[in-house]
Amino acid sequence: MKRFCTVLWGFFALLAVVLYHDKVHNPDLVWGYATLDLLGSLNMGLVGLMIACLMAALMSTADCLMITGSSLITHNIYRSLVPGSFGKTLCPGRQSRRGRRRYRWRPDRHPV
């Protein structure tokens, strides 16, 4: 399914370049012009949906980069500054009488 979507995406990009090569001279603007021309004429809000989908993809990529960057910083910098800190993990403990979750530290079974 993933390969099919990728091939379809590439096919649409080539089709848009062929359809709009005489109208749009900047190749970066072909996607926006094709979206507005093909989906905007339907008046169903599909241009807004396309913009929302592109923003969701951008947010997903940014989220992944932030998580990767923070784990790299933690693994490479924090580990060298605080020796012995990666032999422990935070695991859930019992709930207290007030209903709050308490945590306790325990040695990790798989050292890094």
N, C-alpha and C. Protein backbone atom coordinates (compact mmCIF):
# COMPACT_ATOMS: atom_id res chain seq x y z
N MET A 1 0.82 -1.19 0.00
CA MET A 1 0.00 0.00 0.00
C MET A 1 0.87 1.25 0.00
N LYS A 2 1.95 1.21 0.79
CA LYS A 2 2.82 2.38 0.87
C LYS A 2 3.49 2.66 -0.47
N ARG A 3 3.94 1.63 -1.15
CA ARG A 3 4.58 1.82 -2.45
C ARG A 3 3.58 2.30 -3.49
N PHE A 4 2.37 1.81 -3.42
CA PHE A 4 1.35 2.25 -4.35
C PHE A 4 1.06 3.74 -4.18
N CYS A 5 0.96 4.19 -2.94
CA CYS A 5 0.72 5.63 -2.69
C CYS A 5 1.90 6.47 -3.17
N THR A 6 3.11 5.99 -2.98
CA THR A 6 4.29 6.73 -3.44
C THR A 6 4.32 6.83 -4.95
N VAL A 7 4.01 5.75 -5.64
CA VAL A 7 3.97 5.77 -7.11
C VAL A 7 2.85 6.69 -7.60
N LEU A 8 1.71 6.63 -6.95
CA LEU A 8 0.59 7.49 -7.31
C LEU A 8 0.93 8.96 -7.09
N TRP A 9 1.61 9.27 -6.01
CA TRP A 9 2.04 10.63 -5.70
C TRP A 9 3.00 11.14 -6.78
N GLY A 10 3.96 10.32 -7.16
CA GLY A 10 4.90 10.70 -8.21
C GLY A 10 4.22 10.84 -9.56
N PHE A 11 3.25 9.97 -9.85
CA PHE A 11 2.51 10.06 -11.10
C PHE A 11 1.72 11.36 -11.18
N PHE A 12 1.09 11.75 -10.07
CA PHE A 12 0.35 13.01 -10.06
C PHE A 12 1.28 14.20 -10.23
N ALA A 13 2.47 14.13 -9.65
CA ALA A 13 3.42 15.23 -9.81
C ALA A 13 3.84 15.37 -11.26
N LEU A 14 4.13 14.26 -11.93
CA LEU A 14 4.48 14.32 -13.35
C LEU A 14 3.31 14.80 -14.20
N LEU A 15 2.10 14.37 -13.86
CA LEU A 15 0.92 14.81 -14.58
C LEU A 15 0.69 16.31 -14.41
N ALA A 16 0.91 16.81 -13.21
CA ALA A 16 0.73 18.24 -12.96
C ALA A 16 1.76 19.06 -13.73
N VAL A 17 2.99 18.58 -13.82
CA VAL A 17 4.01 19.29 -14.59
C VAL A 17 3.64 19.32 -16.06
N VAL A 18 3.12 18.21 -16.58
CA VAL A 18 2.72 18.15 -18.00
C VAL A 18 1.51 19.06 -18.25
N LEU A 19 0.53 19.06 -17.34
CA LEU A 19 -0.67 19.86 -17.54
C LEU A 19 -0.42 21.36 -17.44
N TYR A 20 0.46 21.78 -16.54
CA TYR A 20 0.60 23.20 -16.23
C TYR A 20 1.96 23.77 -16.61
N HIS A 21 2.70 23.14 -17.50
CA HIS A 21 4.03 23.63 -17.84
C HIS A 21 3.99 24.97 -18.57
N ASP A 22 2.90 25.25 -19.29
CA ASP A 22 2.82 26.52 -20.00
C ASP A 22 2.20 27.64 -19.15
N LYS A 23 1.47 27.29 -18.09
CA LYS A 23 0.80 28.30 -17.26
C LYS A 23 1.67 28.76 -16.09
N VAL A 24 2.43 27.86 -15.51
CA VAL A 24 3.24 28.16 -14.33
C VAL A 24 4.71 28.02 -14.72
N HIS A 25 5.46 29.10 -14.52
CA HIS A 25 6.87 29.08 -14.91
C HIS A 25 7.80 28.71 -13.77
N ASN A 26 7.33 28.84 -12.54
CA ASN A 26 8.12 28.45 -11.37
C ASN A 26 7.70 27.04 -10.95
N PRO A 27 8.58 26.04 -11.01
CA PRO A 27 8.17 24.67 -10.70
C PRO A 27 7.75 24.47 -9.24
N ASP A 28 8.13 25.37 -8.34
CA ASP A 28 7.69 25.25 -6.95
C ASP A 28 6.21 25.56 -6.78
N LEU A 29 5.63 26.28 -7.72
CA LEU A 29 4.23 26.69 -7.60
C LEU A 29 3.26 25.74 -8.30
N VAL A 30 3.76 24.68 -8.93
CA VAL A 30 2.90 23.77 -9.68
C VAL A 30 1.91 23.06 -8.77
N TRP A 31 2.36 22.63 -7.60
CA TRP A 31 1.47 21.89 -6.69
C TRP A 31 0.30 22.75 -6.22
N GLY A 32 0.60 23.98 -5.84
CA GLY A 32 -0.48 24.87 -5.39
C GLY A 32 -1.44 25.22 -6.50
N TYR A 33 -0.91 25.48 -7.70
CA TYR A 33 -1.78 25.80 -8.83
C TYR A 33 -2.65 24.61 -9.21
N ALA A 34 -2.08 23.41 -9.22
CA ALA A 34 -2.86 22.22 -9.55
C ALA A 34 -3.92 21.95 -8.50
N THR A 35 -3.59 22.15 -7.24
CA THR A 35 -4.58 21.95 -6.18
C THR A 35 -5.73 22.93 -6.32
N LEU A 36 -5.41 24.18 -6.55
CA LEU A 36 -6.45 25.20 -6.69
C LEU A 36 -7.28 24.96 -7.95
N ASP A 37 -6.64 24.59 -9.03
CA ASP A 37 -7.36 24.40 -10.29
C ASP A 37 -8.22 23.13 -10.28
N LEU A 38 -7.69 22.04 -9.77
CA LEU A 38 -8.43 20.78 -9.81
C LEU A 38 -9.44 20.63 -8.67
N LEU A 39 -9.07 21.07 -7.48
CA LEU A 39 -9.96 20.88 -6.33
C LEU A 39 -10.80 22.11 -5.99
N GLY A 40 -10.30 23.29 -6.36
CA GLY A 40 -11.02 24.52 -6.03
C GLY A 40 -12.30 24.69 -6.81
N SER A 41 -12.36 24.16 -8.01
CA SER A 41 -13.56 24.32 -8.84
C SER A 41 -14.74 23.49 -8.32
N LEU A 42 -14.49 22.53 -7.46
CA LEU A 42 -15.58 21.70 -6.92
C LEU A 42 -16.35 22.39 -5.81
N ASN A 43 -15.77 23.41 -5.17
CA ASN A 43 -16.40 24.18 -4.09
C ASN A 43 -16.89 23.29 -2.95
N MET A 44 -16.05 22.34 -2.56
CA MET A 44 -16.40 21.44 -1.47
C MET A 44 -15.44 21.57 -0.30
N GLY A 45 -14.54 22.52 -0.33
CA GLY A 45 -13.58 22.69 0.75
C GLY A 45 -12.39 21.76 0.66
N LEU A 46 -12.15 21.18 -0.50
CA LEU A 46 -11.05 20.24 -0.64
C LEU A 46 -9.69 20.92 -0.65
N VAL A 47 -9.64 22.20 -1.02
CA VAL A 47 -8.37 22.93 -0.95
C VAL A 47 -7.95 23.09 0.51
N GLY A 48 -8.90 23.41 1.37
CA GLY A 48 -8.61 23.50 2.80
C GLY A 48 -8.20 22.17 3.38
N LEU A 49 -8.84 21.10 2.92
CA LEU A 49 -8.46 19.76 3.38
C LEU A 49 -7.04 19.43 2.94
N MET A 50 -6.67 19.81 1.72
CA MET A 50 -5.31 19.57 1.23
C MET A 50 -4.29 20.35 2.05
N ILE A 51 -4.62 21.59 2.38
CA ILE A 51 -3.71 22.40 3.21
C ILE A 51 -3.59 21.78 4.61
N ALA A 52 -4.71 21.30 5.16
CA ALA A 52 -4.67 20.66 6.47
C ALA A 52 -3.83 19.38 6.44
N CYS A 53 -3.94 18.62 5.35
CA CYS A 53 -3.13 17.39 5.22
C CYS A 53 -1.65 17.72 5.13
N LEU A 54 -1.30 18.76 4.38
CA LEU A 54 0.10 19.15 4.28
C LEU A 54 0.63 19.65 5.63
N MET A 55 -0.19 20.38 6.38
CA MET A 55 0.24 20.84 7.70
C MET A 55 0.39 19.67 8.67
N ALA A 56 -0.48 18.68 8.57
CA ALA A 56 -0.36 17.49 9.43
C ALA A 56 0.92 16.73 9.13
N ALA A 57 1.27 16.62 7.85
CA ALA A 57 2.52 15.96 7.50
C ALA A 57 3.72 16.74 8.02
N LEU A 58 3.65 18.06 7.94
CA LEU A 58 4.73 18.89 8.46
C LEU A 58 4.87 18.76 9.97
N MET A 59 3.74 18.74 10.68
CA MET A 59 3.78 18.60 12.13
C MET A 59 4.30 17.23 12.55
N SER A 60 3.96 16.20 11.80
CA SER A 60 4.45 14.86 12.10
C SER A 60 5.97 14.78 11.93
N THR A 61 6.46 15.39 10.86
CA THR A 61 7.90 15.40 10.63
C THR A 61 8.62 16.19 11.71
N ALA A 62 8.07 17.36 12.07
CA ALA A 62 8.69 18.18 13.12
C ALA A 62 8.69 17.45 14.46
N ASP A 63 7.62 16.74 14.77
CA ASP A 63 7.53 15.98 16.00
C ASP A 63 8.59 14.89 16.04
N CYS A 64 8.76 14.19 14.94
CA CYS A 64 9.77 13.14 14.87
C CYS A 64 11.18 13.71 15.03
N LEU A 65 11.44 14.85 14.41
CA LEU A 65 12.76 15.47 14.53
C LEU A 65 13.02 15.94 15.96
N MET A 66 12.00 16.46 16.64
CA MET A 66 12.19 16.90 18.03
C MET A 66 12.47 15.72 18.95
N ILE A 67 11.75 14.62 18.77
CA ILE A 67 11.98 13.44 19.60
C ILE A 67 13.37 12.86 19.34
N THR A 68 13.76 12.81 18.07
CA THR A 68 15.08 12.29 17.72
C THR A 68 16.18 13.17 18.28
N GLY A 69 16.01 14.48 18.16
CA GLY A 69 17.02 15.41 18.69
C GLY A 69 17.15 15.33 20.20
N SER A 70 16.02 15.23 20.90
CA SER A 70 16.09 15.15 22.36
C SER A 70 16.72 13.84 22.81
N SER A 71 16.43 12.75 22.10
CA SER A 71 17.06 11.48 22.51
C SER A 71 18.55 11.48 22.21
N LEU A 72 18.96 12.11 21.12
CA LEU A 72 20.39 12.21 20.82
C LEU A 72 21.12 13.05 21.87
N ILE A 73 20.50 14.17 22.25
CA ILE A 73 21.12 15.02 23.28
C ILE A 73 21.20 14.28 24.60
N THR A 74 20.12 13.59 24.96
CA THR A 74 20.12 12.85 26.22
C THR A 74 21.16 11.74 26.20
N HIS A 75 21.24 11.04 25.11
CA HIS A 75 22.15 9.90 25.02
C HIS A 75 23.61 10.34 24.95
N ASN A 76 23.91 11.36 24.18
CA ASN A 76 25.30 11.75 23.95
C ASN A 76 25.84 12.76 24.96
N ILE A 77 25.04 13.73 25.37
CA ILE A 77 25.55 14.79 26.25
C ILE A 77 25.28 14.47 27.71
N TYR A 78 24.02 14.16 28.05
CA TYR A 78 23.67 13.90 29.44
C TYR A 78 24.41 12.68 29.97
N ARG A 79 24.58 11.68 29.14
CA ARG A 79 25.27 10.47 29.57
C ARG A 79 26.72 10.75 29.94
N SER A 80 27.39 11.65 29.18
CA SER A 80 28.78 11.96 29.50
C SER A 80 28.89 12.90 30.70
N LEU A 81 27.89 13.74 30.93
CA LEU A 81 27.94 14.68 32.06
C LEU A 81 27.58 14.01 33.39
N VAL A 82 26.66 13.07 33.38
CA VAL A 82 26.22 12.41 34.61
C VAL A 82 26.53 10.92 34.48
N PRO A 83 27.70 10.49 34.94
CA PRO A 83 28.03 9.08 34.81
C PRO A 83 27.15 8.21 35.70
N GLY A 84 26.81 7.07 35.20
CA GLY A 84 25.98 6.12 35.96
C GLY A 84 24.50 6.43 35.89
N SER A 85 24.10 7.40 35.10
CA SER A 85 22.69 7.77 35.06
C SER A 85 21.87 6.87 34.15
N PHE A 86 22.51 6.13 33.25
CA PHE A 86 21.77 5.30 32.32
C PHE A 86 21.63 3.87 32.81
N GLY A 87 21.98 3.58 34.03
CA GLY A 87 21.78 2.25 34.57
C GLY A 87 20.46 2.12 35.28
N LYS A 88 19.67 3.18 35.29
CA LYS A 88 18.40 3.19 36.00
C LYS A 88 17.28 3.61 35.05
N THR A 89 16.09 3.09 35.28
CA THR A 89 14.93 3.52 34.52
C THR A 89 13.81 3.83 35.48
N LEU A 90 12.90 4.66 35.03
CA LEU A 90 11.75 5.02 35.83
C LEU A 90 10.64 4.02 35.55
N CYS A 91 10.16 3.35 36.58
CA CYS A 91 9.08 2.39 36.37
C CYS A 91 7.94 2.71 37.33
N PRO A 92 6.71 2.44 36.93
CA PRO A 92 5.59 2.78 37.80
C PRO A 92 5.57 1.93 39.06
N GLY A 93 5.22 2.56 40.14
CA GLY A 93 5.10 1.87 41.41
C GLY A 93 3.63 1.76 41.81
N ARG A 94 3.36 1.69 43.09
CA ARG A 94 1.99 1.58 43.56
C ARG A 94 1.36 2.96 43.68
N GLN A 95 0.04 2.98 43.78
CA GLN A 95 -0.66 4.24 43.99
C GLN A 95 -0.68 4.55 45.47
N SER A 96 -0.59 5.82 45.78
CA SER A 96 -0.65 6.22 47.18
C SER A 96 -2.11 6.24 47.64
N ARG A 97 -2.32 6.58 48.91
CA ARG A 97 -3.67 6.61 49.45
C ARG A 97 -4.51 7.72 48.82
N ARG A 98 -3.86 8.77 48.37
CA ARG A 98 -4.58 9.89 47.77
C ARG A 98 -4.90 9.64 46.29
N GLY A 99 -4.50 8.52 45.75
CA GLY A 99 -4.79 8.20 44.37
C GLY A 99 -3.72 8.65 43.40
N ARG A 100 -2.63 9.18 43.92
CA ARG A 100 -1.55 9.61 43.04
C ARG A 100 -0.64 8.44 42.73
N ARG A 101 -0.07 8.46 41.56
CA ARG A 101 0.86 7.42 41.16
C ARG A 101 2.25 7.77 41.69
N ARG A 102 2.88 6.83 42.39
CA ARG A 102 4.24 7.02 42.87
C ARG A 102 5.19 6.27 41.96
N TYR A 103 6.36 6.79 41.78
CA TYR A 103 7.36 6.15 40.93
C TYR A 103 8.58 5.80 41.77
N ARG A 104 9.25 4.78 41.36
CA ARG A 104 10.46 4.37 42.05
C ARG A 104 11.52 4.06 41.01
N TRP A 105 12.75 4.19 41.40
CA TRP A 105 13.86 3.90 40.49
C TRP A 105 14.33 2.48 40.73
N ARG A 106 14.64 1.80 39.65
CA ARG A 106 15.18 0.46 39.79
C ARG A 106 16.28 0.27 38.74
N PRO A 107 17.21 -0.60 38.98
CA PRO A 107 18.28 -0.85 37.99
C PRO A 107 17.68 -1.43 36.71
N ASP A 108 18.24 -1.04 35.61
CA ASP A 108 17.79 -1.52 34.32
C ASP A 108 18.31 -2.93 34.07
N ARG A 109 17.51 -3.76 33.45
CA ARG A 109 17.93 -5.12 33.17
C ARG A 109 18.87 -5.19 31.97
N HIS A 110 18.73 -4.23 31.05
CA HIS A 110 19.55 -4.21 29.85
C HIS A 110 20.36 -2.92 29.84
N PRO A 111 21.61 -2.96 30.32
CA PRO A 111 22.40 -1.74 30.36
C PRO A 111 22.67 -1.21 28.96
N VAL A 112 22.79 0.11 28.88
CA VAL A 112 23.02 0.77 27.59
C VAL A 112 24.47 0.73 27.23
